[in-house]
Amino acid sequence: MDTLSRALPEALVASLSQVKGFDEASFRQVHLSGEQVTSVRVNPAKWSLSADKLLNAKSMHGGDDTSISNESSTALPQHAPFGNTTPVKWCPFGLYLPERPFFTHDPYLHAGMYYVQEASSMFLWEALKQTVGPDTQGLKVLDLCAAPGGKSTLLAGYFNDGLLVSNEVIKARASILEENIVKWGTGNVVVTNNDPKDFQRLAGYFDVMVIDAPCSGSGLFRRDAKAIDEWSEENVQLCSQRQQRILADAIDALKEEGMLIYSTCSYSMEEDEAILDWCCSELSLESIRFYIPDNWHITEVQTIAAQAYGYRFYPDKIRGEGFFIAAFRKPGEHAASFKKPALTAITKAESMVIKEWLNREDLFFFKQKDQVLAIAAEWQNEIALLQKHLYLRLAGVTVGSIKGKELVPHHALAMSVWKNEQLPAVELDLPQALNYLKKKDVVLPPDQPVGWTLAKYQSASLGWMKVLPNRMNNYYPVEWRILKD
């Protein structure tokens, strides 16, 4: 018998024997196979800005070769580390790759053009489509357990007209979350570093809450064999208790009639179906059922106690890893109201300095220390409210600092879709781009104009350089630089 097959926790396998959709033989076989599924989710806000070829419509949209709107189409870079891709059925921007490339040396990854995300977890897009719908104007969304940022970047793409608060309680992981949000480049996102109970200060505030709860990780066994060594029945119980605590601490922040989406990467019923029953009995939430096409091979389950619906992703049935997801509505009709403080805007003179750097007129500019930040004007008072009650690591887009009558641009501006695309730029080839991302010197044409310049690779912005008469200064963030040759 294979080593991995022997290592599968027999207690877990036994506990799943009566769970709907579980097939022990095929479950063991898929873990024996050694197959690795690689998938990415592209950034719709950035493809439309920079790439000049659309993915074949039949491949991307399930055989429909009719015209595709800009909103639903996905453009791919010509340099193509992807090869021949196939679509993820439940996410319009999800792609399976034929093999796993060396992502670290792809400039498009560092430019936030796509995110490497496990395909099963991309079902969040479909869950939002069926619960929230297409109208996201004015919605406030909380991703409570957000690091490293896979679901937050998906949420930022879905709620492009809303305000997303991405929270991570662990400080080191919050730094990774912030990096990925900055690279993604959509503006109306706030990154916080708070305990779930801190959100009780914002009772009834959020329209949508996503809790991808910390779990025992059994759904990742095929992808990460280390997860097997860390699994135990005791840890499953501890995780179940932690999940209940997180839900209980945070649920007050969800408005009445708001939507809660709960997910784990665990197979254990204690972290899945049992939590659904607990949500219904202890939090009085109403279960929401999804429509799942038969050819998606996702297993719908229904709990015995509350008749709540959940959805299991088995790696022997779908092309992805183990995953569980469910949705709830919080009943009620009472609308919360908040007295919102105001942010102090920058001066008119400061606004004139930064105006030419941006492509939107409806932005509000404010300062944190010496940095100017931008947020869509409709959210300015919400930022002030969040700042009053939470610890904010990031709010909107950091534009830069004003020195005299000049702007020293921040890296976040280079990553943002709000920057002026007519700013001075230099196109780098692949070796030059990798040198730039390693924070090394890059040799530029002798006639390159001096001043702040965007470093680009095939139209995708990588960051800033300051071109001087005899050299260039590389302003790529030192903590993000590529270390591997």
Protein backbone atom coordinates (compact mmCIF):
# COMPACT_ATOMS: atom_id res chain seq x y z
CA MET A 1 0.00 0.00 0.00
CA ASP A 2 1.23 3.53 -0.79
CA THR A 3 2.77 5.56 2.03
CA LEU A 4 0.22 8.35 1.64
CA SER A 5 -2.66 5.88 1.67
CA ARG A 6 -1.34 4.35 4.91
CA ALA A 7 -0.97 7.84 6.36
CA LEU A 8 -4.57 8.85 5.78
CA PRO A 9 -6.07 9.04 9.27
CA GLU A 10 -8.24 5.98 9.67
CA ALA A 11 -10.32 7.80 12.26
CA LEU A 12 -11.23 10.38 9.62
CA VAL A 13 -12.04 7.76 6.99
CA ALA A 14 -14.21 5.87 9.48
CA SER A 15 -16.04 9.06 10.51
CA LEU A 16 -17.00 9.71 6.89
CA SER A 17 -18.35 6.26 6.15
CA GLN A 18 -21.98 7.37 6.49
CA VAL A 19 -21.60 10.87 5.04
CA LYS A 20 -23.43 11.48 1.79
CA GLY A 21 -21.21 11.33 -1.27
CA PHE A 22 -18.24 9.68 0.43
CA ASP A 23 -16.77 6.77 -1.52
CA GLU A 24 -13.91 5.27 0.45
CA ALA A 25 -12.29 3.40 -2.44
CA SER A 26 -12.20 6.37 -4.81
CA PHE A 27 -11.27 8.74 -1.97
CA ARG A 28 -8.23 6.62 -1.16
CA GLN A 29 -7.37 6.22 -4.83
CA VAL A 30 -7.33 9.95 -5.54
CA HIS A 31 -4.87 10.43 -2.70
CA LEU A 32 -2.76 7.58 -4.10
CA SER A 33 -2.71 9.08 -7.57
CA GLY A 34 -0.23 11.85 -6.89
CA GLU A 35 -2.30 14.15 -9.12
CA GLN A 36 -1.86 17.86 -8.44
CA VAL A 37 -4.54 20.25 -9.66
CA THR A 38 -3.36 23.80 -10.38
CA SER A 39 -5.76 26.65 -10.91
CA VAL A 40 -5.66 30.43 -11.03
CA ARG A 41 -8.26 33.16 -10.91
CA VAL A 42 -7.55 36.14 -13.13
CA ASN A 43 -8.14 39.76 -12.12
CA PRO A 44 -10.96 41.12 -14.31
CA ALA A 45 -10.13 44.72 -13.45
CA LYS A 46 -6.60 44.38 -14.81
CA TRP A 47 -7.05 42.10 -17.82
CA SER A 48 -9.27 44.65 -19.49
CA LEU A 49 -6.60 47.30 -19.01
CA SER A 50 -3.54 45.55 -20.34
CA ALA A 51 -3.92 42.32 -22.26
CA ASP A 52 -4.71 42.43 -25.96
CA LYS A 53 -6.16 39.01 -26.66
CA LEU A 54 -9.26 37.39 -25.21
CA LEU A 55 -9.33 33.83 -24.05
CA ASN A 56 -11.16 31.67 -26.54
CA ALA A 57 -14.84 32.22 -25.80
CA LYS A 58 -15.82 28.56 -26.22
CA SER A 59 -13.20 27.48 -23.70
CA MET A 60 -13.99 30.13 -21.14
CA HIS A 61 -17.76 30.20 -21.31
CA GLY A 62 -18.78 26.60 -21.65
CA GLY A 63 -19.11 26.41 -25.43
CA ASP A 64 -21.03 29.63 -25.90
CA ASP A 65 -19.33 31.42 -28.80
CA THR A 66 -21.69 34.40 -28.84
CA SER A 67 -20.41 37.87 -28.11
CA ILE A 68 -19.11 38.38 -24.59
CA SER A 69 -19.52 41.61 -22.64
CA ASN A 70 -16.50 43.38 -21.18
CA GLU A 71 -17.84 42.56 -17.72
CA SER A 72 -17.69 38.80 -18.20
CA SER A 73 -14.77 38.42 -20.58
CA THR A 74 -11.27 37.50 -19.52
CA ALA A 75 -8.14 38.48 -21.38
CA LEU A 76 -4.92 36.53 -21.10
CA PRO A 77 -1.31 37.61 -21.54
CA GLN A 78 0.46 36.56 -24.71
CA HIS A 79 3.52 35.36 -22.82
CA ALA A 80 1.26 32.54 -21.55
CA PRO A 81 2.78 30.64 -18.66
CA PHE A 82 -0.65 29.06 -18.59
CA GLY A 83 -0.60 26.90 -21.73
CA ASN A 84 -3.91 25.30 -22.68
CA THR A 85 -6.33 26.23 -19.94
CA THR A 86 -9.80 24.93 -19.14
CA PRO A 87 -12.47 26.86 -17.21
CA VAL A 88 -13.52 26.36 -13.61
CA LYS A 89 -17.25 25.81 -14.01
CA TRP A 90 -18.41 27.82 -11.00
CA CYS A 91 -16.23 30.90 -11.39
CA PRO A 92 -16.08 32.91 -14.66
CA PHE A 93 -12.49 33.99 -14.00
CA GLY A 94 -11.16 30.63 -12.82
CA LEU A 95 -8.81 28.58 -14.98
CA TYR A 96 -7.26 25.13 -14.61
CA LEU A 97 -3.67 24.95 -15.82
CA PRO A 98 -2.24 21.87 -17.56
CA GLU A 99 0.76 21.93 -15.22
CA ARG A 100 2.15 24.06 -12.43
CA PRO A 101 4.56 26.72 -13.72
CA PHE A 102 7.21 28.41 -11.60
CA PHE A 103 4.90 31.22 -10.55
CA THR A 104 7.61 33.15 -8.71
CA HIS A 105 9.26 34.04 -12.01
CA ASP A 106 6.09 35.24 -13.72
CA PRO A 107 5.89 39.07 -13.61
CA TYR A 108 2.13 38.88 -14.11
CA LEU A 109 1.73 37.27 -10.69
CA HIS A 110 3.61 40.14 -9.03
CA ALA A 111 1.54 42.63 -11.02
CA GLY A 112 -1.67 41.23 -9.51
CA MET A 113 -2.96 40.02 -12.86
CA TYR A 114 -4.07 36.74 -11.31
CA TYR A 115 -4.15 34.87 -8.01
CA VAL A 116 -3.16 31.23 -7.56
CA GLN A 117 -6.26 29.81 -5.90
CA GLU A 118 -7.60 26.33 -5.29
CA ALA A 119 -10.52 25.71 -7.64
CA SER A 120 -13.04 24.41 -5.10
CA SER A 121 -12.81 27.58 -3.02
CA MET A 122 -13.65 29.65 -6.10
CA PHE A 123 -17.23 28.40 -5.62
CA LEU A 124 -17.59 31.45 -3.41
CA TRP A 125 -18.28 33.39 -6.63
CA GLU A 126 -21.27 31.17 -7.44
CA ALA A 127 -22.46 31.37 -3.83
CA LEU A 128 -22.47 35.16 -4.07
CA LYS A 129 -24.19 35.05 -7.43
CA GLN A 130 -27.03 32.97 -5.98
CA THR A 131 -27.40 34.78 -2.64
CA VAL A 132 -26.43 38.41 -3.26
CA GLY A 133 -27.02 38.71 -7.00
CA PRO A 134 -25.42 41.10 -9.48
CA ASP A 135 -26.31 44.43 -7.84
CA THR A 136 -23.47 45.19 -5.42
CA GLN A 137 -23.83 48.98 -5.32
CA GLY A 138 -23.49 50.30 -1.78
CA LEU A 139 -22.97 46.91 -0.11
CA LYS A 140 -20.56 46.53 2.80
CA VAL A 141 -18.79 43.17 3.00
CA LEU A 142 -16.65 41.58 5.71
CA ASP A 143 -14.14 38.80 5.04
CA LEU A 144 -13.46 37.89 8.66
CA CYS A 145 -10.64 35.32 8.37
CA ALA A 146 -9.07 36.71 5.23
CA ALA A 147 -5.35 35.85 5.01
CA PRO A 148 -3.62 35.14 2.72
CA GLY A 149 -6.20 36.84 0.49
CA GLY A 150 -7.65 34.33 -1.98
CA LYS A 151 -11.27 34.91 -1.04
CA SER A 152 -10.70 38.62 -0.40
CA THR A 153 -9.39 39.20 -3.91
CA LEU A 154 -12.37 37.26 -5.25
CA LEU A 155 -14.69 39.42 -3.14
CA ALA A 156 -12.95 42.57 -4.35
CA GLY A 157 -13.66 41.46 -7.91
CA TYR A 158 -17.28 40.62 -7.21
CA PHE A 159 -18.15 43.68 -5.11
CA ASN A 160 -16.49 46.23 -7.36
CA ASP A 161 -19.20 48.76 -6.42
CA GLY A 162 -19.13 47.92 -2.71
CA LEU A 163 -16.81 48.31 0.26
CA LEU A 164 -14.80 45.27 1.38
CA VAL A 165 -13.28 44.93 4.85
CA SER A 166 -10.66 42.16 4.90
CA ASN A 167 -9.68 41.14 8.40
CA GLU A 168 -6.95 38.91 9.78
CA VAL A 169 -6.36 38.46 13.49
CA ILE A 170 -2.74 37.24 13.25
CA LYS A 171 -0.38 40.14 12.63
CA ALA A 172 2.13 38.30 10.42
CA ARG A 173 -0.64 36.89 8.24
CA ALA A 174 -2.25 40.33 8.05
CA SER A 175 0.94 41.58 6.38
CA ILE A 176 0.60 38.90 3.69
CA LEU A 177 -3.06 39.81 3.25
CA GLU A 178 -2.18 43.48 2.82
CA GLU A 179 0.45 42.64 0.19
CA ASN A 180 -1.99 40.59 -1.86
CA ILE A 181 -4.71 43.25 -1.62
CA VAL A 182 -2.28 45.95 -2.77
CA LYS A 183 -1.17 43.81 -5.72
CA TRP A 184 -4.79 43.10 -6.68
CA GLY A 185 -5.19 46.85 -7.09
CA THR A 186 -8.93 47.44 -6.67
CA GLY A 187 -9.49 50.47 -4.52
CA ASN A 188 -12.43 50.13 -2.15
CA VAL A 189 -10.83 47.67 0.25
CA VAL A 190 -9.91 48.10 3.91
CA VAL A 191 -7.48 45.69 5.61
CA THR A 192 -7.93 45.31 9.37
CA ASN A 193 -6.04 43.39 12.06
CA ASN A 194 -8.67 42.67 14.70
CA ASP A 195 -10.12 39.90 16.81
CA PRO A 196 -13.59 38.78 15.64
CA LYS A 197 -15.19 40.08 18.84
CA ASP A 198 -14.02 43.62 17.97
CA PHE A 199 -16.62 43.71 15.22
CA GLN A 200 -19.38 43.69 17.85
CA ARG A 201 -18.77 47.45 17.95
CA LEU A 202 -20.34 47.56 14.48
CA ALA A 203 -23.62 45.77 15.20
CA GLY A 204 -25.78 45.37 12.10
CA TYR A 205 -23.22 47.04 9.85
CA PHE A 206 -22.32 44.50 7.12
CA ASP A 207 -24.60 43.32 4.34
CA VAL A 208 -22.48 40.23 3.64
CA MET A 209 -20.13 38.31 5.92
CA VAL A 210 -17.76 35.59 4.74
CA ILE A 211 -16.17 33.30 7.32
CA ASP A 212 -13.69 30.86 5.84
CA ALA A 213 -13.04 29.40 9.24
CA PRO A 214 -9.74 28.04 10.56
CA CYS A 215 -10.11 24.27 10.41
CA SER A 216 -8.33 20.93 10.76
CA GLY A 217 -7.34 21.00 7.08
CA SER A 218 -8.25 17.49 5.94
CA GLY A 219 -9.42 18.83 2.60
CA LEU A 220 -5.80 19.71 1.80
CA PHE A 221 -4.36 16.22 2.33
CA ARG A 222 -3.75 15.63 -1.37
CA ARG A 223 -2.07 19.00 -1.89
CA ASP A 224 -0.12 19.13 1.37
CA ALA A 225 0.96 15.89 2.99
CA LYS A 226 2.08 17.82 6.08
CA ALA A 227 -1.57 18.43 6.86
CA ILE A 228 -1.92 14.69 7.52
CA ASP A 229 0.68 14.81 10.29
CA GLU A 230 -1.10 17.72 11.95
CA TRP A 231 -4.57 16.13 11.86
CA SER A 232 -6.11 14.57 14.96
CA GLU A 233 -9.57 13.96 16.36
CA GLU A 234 -8.68 16.29 19.23
CA ASN A 235 -7.80 19.06 16.79
CA VAL A 236 -11.10 18.59 14.98
CA GLN A 237 -12.92 19.20 18.25
CA LEU A 238 -10.80 22.24 19.06
CA CYS A 239 -11.45 23.64 15.59
CA SER A 240 -15.19 23.09 15.95
CA GLN A 241 -15.19 25.00 19.23
CA ARG A 242 -13.09 27.79 17.68
CA GLN A 243 -15.47 28.02 14.71
CA GLN A 244 -18.46 28.40 17.04
CA ARG A 245 -16.64 31.09 19.00
CA ILE A 246 -15.74 33.04 15.86
CA LEU A 247 -19.32 32.87 14.57
CA ALA A 248 -20.78 33.88 17.93
CA ASP A 249 -18.35 36.78 18.29
CA ALA A 250 -18.93 38.16 14.80
CA ILE A 251 -22.59 37.54 13.98
CA ASP A 252 -23.82 40.76 15.59
CA ALA A 253 -21.93 42.72 12.92
CA LEU A 254 -24.15 41.22 10.20
CA LYS A 255 -27.24 43.27 9.47
CA GLU A 256 -30.68 41.74 9.64
CA GLU A 257 -31.53 40.20 6.26
CA GLY A 258 -27.78 40.02 5.65
CA MET A 259 -26.02 37.02 4.14
CA LEU A 260 -23.46 34.81 5.89
CA ILE A 261 -21.30 32.43 3.88
CA TYR A 262 -19.44 29.83 5.93
CA SER A 263 -16.75 27.53 4.58
CA THR A 264 -13.95 25.19 5.63
CA CYS A 265 -11.38 22.96 3.96
CA SER A 266 -12.32 20.10 6.28
CA TYR A 267 -14.28 16.90 5.68
CA SER A 268 -15.21 16.43 9.35
CA MET A 269 -18.90 16.71 10.19
CA GLU A 270 -18.03 18.41 13.48
CA GLU A 271 -16.68 21.36 11.48
CA ASP A 272 -19.29 21.24 8.74
CA GLU A 273 -22.80 19.84 9.23
CA ALA A 274 -22.65 20.20 13.03
CA ILE A 275 -21.75 23.86 12.67
CA LEU A 276 -24.73 24.39 10.35
CA ASP A 277 -27.08 22.94 12.97
CA TRP A 278 -25.43 25.12 15.62
CA CYS A 279 -25.88 28.24 13.45
CA CYS A 280 -29.57 27.50 13.10
CA SER A 281 -30.23 26.62 16.75
CA GLU A 282 -27.92 29.07 18.54
CA LEU A 283 -27.79 32.01 16.12
CA SER A 284 -31.27 31.60 14.61
CA LEU A 285 -29.95 31.77 11.06
CA GLU A 286 -31.93 30.56 8.04
CA SER A 287 -30.25 28.08 5.70
CA ILE A 288 -30.09 28.92 2.00
CA ARG A 289 -30.09 26.24 -0.69
CA PHE A 290 -28.02 26.56 -3.85
CA TYR A 291 -28.88 25.27 -7.29
CA ILE A 292 -26.09 22.90 -8.32
CA PRO A 293 -25.98 21.50 -11.89
CA ASP A 294 -25.53 17.72 -11.93
CA ASN A 295 -22.41 17.93 -14.09
CA TRP A 296 -20.59 19.94 -11.43
CA HIS A 297 -20.50 16.81 -9.22
CA ILE A 298 -20.75 18.81 -6.00
CA THR A 299 -22.49 16.87 -3.23
CA GLU A 300 -25.44 18.56 -1.54
CA VAL A 301 -25.99 17.48 2.06
CA GLN A 302 -28.76 18.30 4.48
CA THR A 303 -28.43 18.13 8.24
CA ILE A 304 -30.78 15.97 10.28
CA ALA A 305 -31.52 18.41 13.11
CA ALA A 306 -32.09 21.72 11.29
CA GLN A 307 -32.46 20.46 7.71
CA ALA A 308 -29.74 22.98 6.78
CA TYR A 309 -28.05 22.72 3.39
CA GLY A 310 -24.31 22.34 2.88
CA TYR A 311 -22.12 21.50 -0.10
CA ARG A 312 -19.22 19.06 -0.09
CA PHE A 313 -16.41 19.01 -2.64
CA TYR A 314 -14.71 15.61 -2.84
CA PRO A 315 -11.44 15.45 -4.86
CA ASP A 316 -12.45 12.13 -6.40
CA LYS A 317 -15.60 13.74 -7.83
CA ILE A 318 -14.57 17.28 -8.75
CA ARG A 319 -11.37 18.79 -10.12
CA GLY A 320 -10.17 20.43 -6.94
CA GLU A 321 -9.44 19.81 -3.28
CA GLY A 322 -11.72 19.09 -0.34
CA PHE A 323 -14.02 21.95 0.55
CA PHE A 324 -17.30 22.66 2.35
CA ILE A 325 -19.55 25.70 2.00
CA ALA A 326 -22.99 26.83 3.18
CA ALA A 327 -24.98 30.06 3.21
CA PHE A 328 -27.40 31.61 5.70
CA ARG A 329 -29.70 34.59 5.95
CA LYS A 330 -29.97 36.50 9.22
CA PRO A 331 -33.69 37.09 9.78
CA GLY A 332 -35.18 40.40 10.86
CA GLU A 333 -36.16 43.78 9.54
CA HIS A 334 -34.41 46.24 11.84
CA ALA A 335 -31.88 48.50 10.11
CA ALA A 336 -28.91 49.68 12.13
CA SER A 337 -27.82 53.30 12.05
CA PHE A 338 -24.45 54.81 12.92
CA LYS A 339 -23.24 58.26 13.76
CA LYS A 340 -20.35 58.57 11.36
CA PRO A 341 -17.38 60.84 11.99
CA ALA A 342 -15.81 62.66 9.07
CA LEU A 343 -12.38 62.34 7.50
CA THR A 344 -10.37 65.48 6.96
CA ALA A 345 -9.69 66.08 3.28
CA ILE A 346 -6.33 67.18 1.96
CA THR A 347 -5.93 70.79 0.88
CA LYS A 348 -6.84 72.07 -2.56
CA ALA A 349 -3.16 72.67 -3.31
CA GLU A 350 -2.34 69.06 -2.39
CA SER A 351 -5.21 67.84 -4.58
CA MET A 352 -3.74 69.69 -7.55
CA VAL A 353 -0.39 67.91 -7.02
CA ILE A 354 -1.90 64.42 -7.24
CA LYS A 355 -4.76 64.97 -9.69
CA GLU A 356 -2.78 64.05 -12.82
CA TRP A 357 -1.69 60.74 -11.29
CA LEU A 358 -5.22 59.27 -11.16
CA ASN A 359 -7.93 58.36 -13.65
CA ARG A 360 -11.03 59.01 -11.53
CA GLU A 361 -12.78 62.20 -10.53
CA ASP A 362 -14.96 60.73 -7.78
CA LEU A 363 -12.22 60.10 -5.23
CA PHE A 364 -11.82 61.50 -1.74
CA PHE A 365 -8.27 62.14 -0.54
CA PHE A 366 -7.19 62.10 3.08
CA LYS A 367 -3.99 61.66 5.04
CA GLN A 368 -2.55 59.08 7.40
CA LYS A 369 0.69 60.48 8.80
CA ASP A 370 2.52 61.77 5.72
CA GLN A 371 0.75 59.55 3.18
CA VAL A 372 -2.18 60.60 1.00
CA LEU A 373 -4.84 57.91 0.60
CA ALA A 374 -7.71 57.71 -1.86
CA ILE A 375 -11.14 56.12 -1.50
CA ALA A 376 -14.30 56.44 -3.58
CA ALA A 377 -16.05 59.54 -2.25
CA GLU A 378 -19.17 57.60 -1.27
CA TRP A 379 -17.17 55.63 1.32
CA GLN A 380 -15.31 58.47 3.05
CA ASN A 381 -17.50 58.52 6.16
CA GLU A 382 -17.45 54.72 6.36
CA ILE A 383 -13.66 54.81 6.53
CA ALA A 384 -13.86 57.29 9.39
CA LEU A 385 -16.30 54.99 11.22
CA LEU A 386 -14.15 51.91 10.70
CA GLN A 387 -11.08 53.83 11.81
CA LYS A 388 -12.86 54.76 15.04
CA HIS A 389 -13.68 51.17 15.99
CA LEU A 390 -10.97 48.99 14.37
CA TYR A 391 -7.25 48.86 13.73
CA LEU A 392 -6.80 49.67 10.04
CA ARG A 393 -3.67 48.56 8.22
CA LEU A 394 -4.85 49.79 4.84
CA ALA A 395 -7.75 51.92 3.61
CA GLY A 396 -8.30 52.45 -0.09
CA VAL A 397 -5.26 53.21 -2.23
CA THR A 398 -2.12 54.78 -0.79
CA VAL A 399 -1.23 57.42 -3.39
CA GLY A 400 2.03 58.68 -1.89
CA SER A 401 3.56 61.55 0.04
CA ILE A 402 3.71 65.18 -1.07
CA LYS A 403 7.11 66.82 -0.90
CA GLY A 404 6.79 70.49 -1.73
CA LYS A 405 4.90 70.58 -5.02
CA GLU A 406 5.75 67.02 -6.05
CA LEU A 407 4.31 63.60 -5.29
CA VAL A 408 6.53 60.73 -4.21
CA PRO A 409 4.28 57.91 -5.47
CA HIS A 410 3.60 54.87 -3.32
CA HIS A 411 3.91 51.34 -4.68
CA ALA A 412 0.17 50.84 -4.12
CA LEU A 413 -0.53 53.52 -6.71
CA ALA A 414 1.50 51.61 -9.29
CA MET A 415 -0.59 48.52 -8.56
CA SER A 416 -3.93 50.34 -8.56
CA VAL A 417 -6.44 50.36 -11.38
CA TRP A 418 -7.11 53.98 -10.39
CA LYS A 419 -3.77 55.27 -11.65
CA ASN A 420 -3.55 57.33 -14.82
CA GLU A 421 -2.52 54.91 -17.59
CA GLN A 422 -0.87 57.79 -19.45
CA LEU A 423 1.85 58.20 -16.81
CA PRO A 424 5.45 57.81 -18.04
CA ALA A 425 6.34 54.14 -18.38
CA VAL A 426 9.02 51.86 -19.73
CA GLU A 427 8.36 48.38 -21.13
CA LEU A 428 10.73 45.71 -19.84
CA ASP A 429 11.46 42.35 -21.38
CA LEU A 430 11.33 39.24 -19.19
CA PRO A 431 14.97 39.30 -17.95
CA GLN A 432 14.68 43.02 -17.20
CA ALA A 433 11.36 42.54 -15.42
CA LEU A 434 12.80 39.80 -13.23
CA ASN A 435 15.79 41.97 -12.39
CA TYR A 436 13.43 44.77 -11.45
CA LEU A 437 11.40 42.42 -9.22
CA LYS A 438 14.63 41.26 -7.57
CA LYS A 439 15.31 44.96 -6.85
CA LYS A 440 18.38 44.95 -9.06
CA ASP A 441 19.50 47.57 -11.54
CA VAL A 442 17.85 47.62 -14.93
CA VAL A 443 19.62 49.00 -18.01
CA LEU A 444 17.31 51.46 -19.79
CA PRO A 445 17.51 53.07 -23.24
CA PRO A 446 19.79 56.14 -23.20
CA ASP A 447 16.96 58.40 -24.35
CA GLN A 448 14.58 57.40 -21.54
CA PRO A 449 13.03 60.59 -20.05
CA VAL A 450 14.02 61.35 -16.45
CA GLY A 451 11.54 61.33 -13.58
CA TRP A 452 9.10 58.92 -11.94
CA THR A 453 8.41 56.06 -14.35
CA LEU A 454 6.25 52.95 -14.21
CA ALA A 455 8.10 49.70 -14.82
CA LYS A 456 5.86 47.55 -17.00
CA TYR A 457 5.95 44.06 -18.44
CA GLN A 458 3.66 43.49 -21.42
CA SER A 459 1.57 46.46 -20.27
CA ALA A 460 1.23 45.21 -16.68
CA SER A 461 2.54 47.61 -14.04
CA LEU A 462 5.20 46.21 -11.72
CA GLY A 463 6.13 49.31 -9.71
CA TRP A 464 8.05 52.58 -9.77
CA MET A 465 11.52 53.56 -10.83
CA LYS A 466 13.10 57.00 -10.71
CA VAL A 467 15.00 57.64 -13.90
CA LEU A 468 17.99 59.96 -13.42
CA PRO A 469 20.45 61.31 -16.04
CA ASN A 470 23.02 58.57 -15.44
CA ARG A 471 21.12 55.79 -13.66
CA MET A 472 17.77 54.57 -12.36
CA ASN A 473 16.66 54.00 -8.79
CA ASN A 474 14.55 50.88 -8.25
CA TYR A 475 11.65 51.54 -5.86
CA TYR A 476 10.22 48.02 -5.74
CA PRO A 477 9.39 47.19 -2.08
CA VAL A 478 12.39 45.44 -0.59
CA GLU A 479 10.23 43.08 1.48
CA TRP A 480 8.42 41.84 -1.66
CA ARG A 481 11.44 41.26 -3.87
CA ILE A 482 12.08 37.91 -5.56
CA LEU A 483 14.82 36.07 -3.69
CA LYS A 484 15.11 32.96 -5.86
CA ASP A 485 17.16 32.95 -9.09
